[in-house]
Each structure stands twice: as structure tokens, then as C-alpha cells.
Protein backbone atom coordinates (compact mmCIF):
# COMPACT_ATOMS: atom_id res chain seq x y z
CA MET A 1 -38.10 -40.72 21.95
CA THR A 2 -37.45 -40.49 25.67
CA VAL A 3 -34.82 -38.37 27.36
CA LYS A 4 -33.03 -41.57 28.41
CA LYS A 5 -32.89 -42.85 24.83
CA ASP A 6 -31.66 -39.47 23.58
CA LEU A 7 -28.91 -39.44 26.21
CA GLU A 8 -27.93 -43.01 25.36
CA LYS A 9 -27.62 -42.05 21.68
CA ALA A 10 -25.53 -39.01 22.61
CA LEU A 11 -23.33 -41.19 24.82
CA ALA A 12 -22.76 -43.70 22.02
CA ALA A 13 -21.88 -40.89 19.62
CA ALA A 14 -19.45 -39.32 22.10
CA GLU A 15 -17.75 -42.66 22.74
CA SER A 16 -17.51 -43.30 19.01
CA ALA A 17 -15.99 -39.88 18.37
CA LYS A 18 -13.50 -40.43 21.19
CA GLY A 19 -12.42 -43.71 19.60
CA THR A 20 -12.10 -42.11 16.20
CA TYR A 21 -9.97 -39.25 17.54
CA SER A 22 -7.76 -41.69 19.45
CA THR A 23 -7.29 -43.75 16.29
CA PHE A 24 -6.37 -40.63 14.32
CA ALA A 25 -3.86 -39.63 17.01
CA ALA A 26 -2.24 -43.06 16.96
CA SER A 27 -2.00 -43.20 13.19
CA THR A 28 -0.37 -39.85 12.42
CA ASP A 29 3.28 -38.88 12.53
CA ASP A 30 2.44 -35.16 12.50
CA GLN A 31 2.98 -34.10 16.12
CA SER A 32 0.67 -31.09 15.96
CA ALA A 33 -2.13 -33.23 14.49
CA LYS A 34 -1.46 -35.92 17.11
CA THR A 35 -1.76 -33.35 19.90
CA MET A 36 -4.94 -31.93 18.41
CA TYR A 37 -6.58 -35.39 18.15
CA GLN A 38 -5.49 -36.28 21.68
CA GLN A 39 -7.05 -33.07 22.99
CA MET A 40 -10.25 -33.80 21.07
CA ALA A 41 -10.37 -37.29 22.59
CA GLN A 42 -9.92 -35.74 26.05
CA ASP A 43 -12.78 -33.36 25.31
CA MET A 44 -14.95 -36.34 24.44
CA ASP A 45 -13.95 -37.97 27.74
CA ARG A 46 -15.45 -34.97 29.50
CA HIS A 47 -18.58 -35.22 27.38
CA VAL A 48 -18.95 -38.91 28.25
CA VAL A 49 -18.63 -38.13 31.97
CA GLN A 50 -21.21 -35.35 31.74
CA ILE A 51 -23.68 -37.46 29.77
CA ASN A 52 -23.27 -40.38 32.17
CA SER A 53 -23.90 -38.01 35.06
CA ARG A 54 -27.06 -36.75 33.42
CA LEU A 55 -28.21 -40.31 32.72
CA SER A 56 -27.70 -41.17 36.38
CA SER A 57 -29.59 -38.15 37.64
CA THR A 58 -32.42 -38.82 35.18
CA ALA A 59 -32.70 -42.40 36.45
CA GLU A 60 -32.61 -41.23 40.07
CA ASN A 61 -35.31 -38.63 39.41
CA LYS A 62 -37.48 -41.25 37.77
CA LEU A 63 -37.10 -43.55 40.77
CA SER A 64 -37.91 -40.69 43.18
CA ASN A 65 -41.04 -39.85 41.24
CA GLN A 66 -42.25 -43.45 41.43
CA GLU A 67 -42.03 -43.63 45.23
């Protein structure tokens, strides 16, 4: 498997986890649990940004190497 495919799988997993945590936060009445799930979703936001950044730099490096 290529680095790009691995990063795409990681991105999909991070986005899925973010959605799951957001759903958990919305469906609980326990304020401490809600806060925890919201923080976990925010953590996954950061992961998504970092993975997207890595995907972009990988694509740019590939283009540079082809020139």
C-alpha cells in the first residue's frame, strides 16, 4: 500500500471517529460525558488537519520529483 493510500485510510478513520464522538456528545444528557466527547471530536479535528497537511505535502513532493 502506498503512503497516500495509508494517509487516506487514516483520514477516513479520523473523520469517522469525529462523527461518532459528535453523535455521542449530542445524544447524552450527562454534561461531563458531553464535554469529554466534544473534546475528543475537537482532537479528531486536529488529526484531520494534520493528515490533510501531510497528504498535501506528499502530493507536492511527488509532483516535484516528477519535474
